[in-house]
Each structure stands twice: as C-alpha cells, then as structure tokens.
Amino acid sequence: MRPRGQVVPCELNVLALLKGNERYIFIYDDVSRPLLIDTFRDQAADPRLSINWFDAAVLTDRAREQARQTRQATTSSRARI
C-alpha cells in the first residue's frame, strides 16, 4: 500500500516510424496500447497518410513485443523480492 498522496510513476513507451521525410512518433502507456493499435489500423486505412498496412502490422508487432518485455521485467523483479 502506498502512502496517501504519493504519485505512482507512469512509465511510457515510445514507437517511431521514419518513412522518407516523415516522422511518426507514438508515445503511450500500457493501458492505452489497445487504442494505439486501433490508431495504427485507422491511419493505415487513411489514404491521406503514408502509413500502409505493412507499417501498421510492424508497429503492432513492436507494441506487443514491448508489452511482453514489460511483463517479463515485472515478473523478473517480483521473483527477486
């Protein structure tokens, strides 16, 4: 239990896509990962953007890999306690 008024740090994840002269930077927390993946799909479907379905698939895979790494780190740190 944390003391009253103590702020729990929020860890952020970053994904970047560099495509020609364009830069797509996504900063998100673990709770918003499903919304981020939906955003990739929405952007891939938008003909005004250069993100395509392959890019969306790669970004989705990387976001899921970050989630796996976070879970492994959490499990590993709990095992040491």
Protein backbone atom coordinates (compact mmCIF):
# COMPACT_ATOMS: atom_id res chain seq x y z
CA MET A 1 0.00 0.00 0.00
CA ARG A 2 1.41 3.39 -0.91
CA PRO A 3 1.26 6.38 1.41
CA ARG A 4 -1.55 8.82 0.80
CA GLY A 5 -0.70 11.48 -1.74
CA GLN A 6 2.20 9.56 -3.25
CA VAL A 7 2.22 9.63 -7.02
CA VAL A 8 2.76 6.34 -8.80
CA PRO A 9 5.18 6.88 -11.68
CA CYS A 10 3.71 6.23 -15.10
CA GLU A 11 6.07 4.50 -17.48
CA LEU A 12 5.74 5.49 -21.11
CA ASN A 13 6.57 3.54 -24.23
CA VAL A 14 7.78 5.06 -27.47
CA LEU A 15 7.48 3.74 -31.01
CA ALA A 16 8.79 5.61 -34.02
CA LEU A 17 8.33 5.14 -37.74
CA LEU A 18 10.67 7.01 -40.08
CA LYS A 19 9.31 6.98 -43.60
CA GLY A 20 11.15 9.15 -46.09
CA ASN A 21 10.91 12.71 -44.81
CA GLU A 22 8.00 11.85 -42.50
CA ARG A 23 8.32 11.01 -38.82
CA TYR A 24 5.62 9.23 -36.85
CA ILE A 25 6.25 9.16 -33.09
CA PHE A 26 3.85 7.32 -30.79
CA ILE A 27 4.12 7.78 -27.01
CA TYR A 28 1.76 5.70 -24.92
CA ASP A 29 1.33 3.88 -21.63
CA ASP A 30 0.49 0.21 -21.18
CA VAL A 31 -3.20 0.91 -20.56
CA SER A 32 -3.61 2.72 -23.89
CA ARG A 33 -1.89 0.02 -26.00
CA PRO A 34 -5.17 -1.33 -27.49
CA LEU A 35 -6.16 2.20 -28.53
CA LEU A 36 -2.72 2.67 -30.08
CA ILE A 37 -3.13 -0.49 -32.16
CA ASP A 38 -6.54 0.75 -33.33
CA THR A 39 -4.85 4.03 -34.28
CA PHE A 40 -2.33 2.17 -36.45
CA ARG A 41 -5.19 0.50 -38.31
CA ASP A 42 -7.08 3.78 -38.71
CA GLN A 43 -4.01 5.51 -40.06
CA ALA A 44 -3.23 2.68 -42.49
CA ALA A 45 -6.78 2.97 -43.84
CA ASP A 46 -6.44 6.75 -44.34
CA PRO A 47 -5.31 7.41 -47.93
CA ARG A 48 -4.02 10.86 -46.92
CA LEU A 49 -1.28 9.29 -44.78
CA SER A 50 1.75 7.38 -45.97
CA ILE A 51 1.42 4.65 -43.32
CA ASN A 52 0.38 1.45 -45.06
CA TRP A 53 -0.86 -1.91 -43.79
CA PHE A 54 2.65 -3.34 -43.61
CA ASP A 55 3.74 -0.41 -41.41
CA ALA A 56 0.69 -0.93 -39.19
CA ALA A 57 1.50 -4.63 -38.83
CA VAL A 58 5.13 -3.93 -37.91
CA LEU A 59 4.15 -1.23 -35.39
CA THR A 60 1.51 -3.52 -33.87
CA ASP A 61 4.08 -6.29 -33.50
CA ARG A 62 6.54 -3.92 -31.84
CA ALA A 63 3.90 -2.62 -29.43
CA ARG A 64 3.04 -6.19 -28.44
CA GLU A 65 6.73 -7.02 -28.05
CA GLN A 66 7.11 -4.04 -25.69
CA ALA A 67 4.19 -5.44 -23.66
CA ARG A 68 5.90 -8.85 -23.45
CA GLN A 69 9.15 -7.22 -22.32
CA THR A 70 7.30 -5.22 -19.68
CA ARG A 71 5.60 -8.37 -18.36
CA GLN A 72 8.90 -10.25 -18.28
CA ALA A 73 10.64 -7.41 -16.44
CA THR A 74 7.81 -7.22 -13.90
CA THR A 75 7.86 -10.99 -13.36
CA SER A 76 11.64 -10.97 -13.04
CA SER A 77 11.66 -8.13 -10.48
CA ARG A 78 8.93 -9.84 -8.42
CA ALA A 79 10.92 -13.07 -8.37
CA ARG A 80 13.90 -11.25 -6.83
CA ILE A 81 11.84 -9.85 -3.94
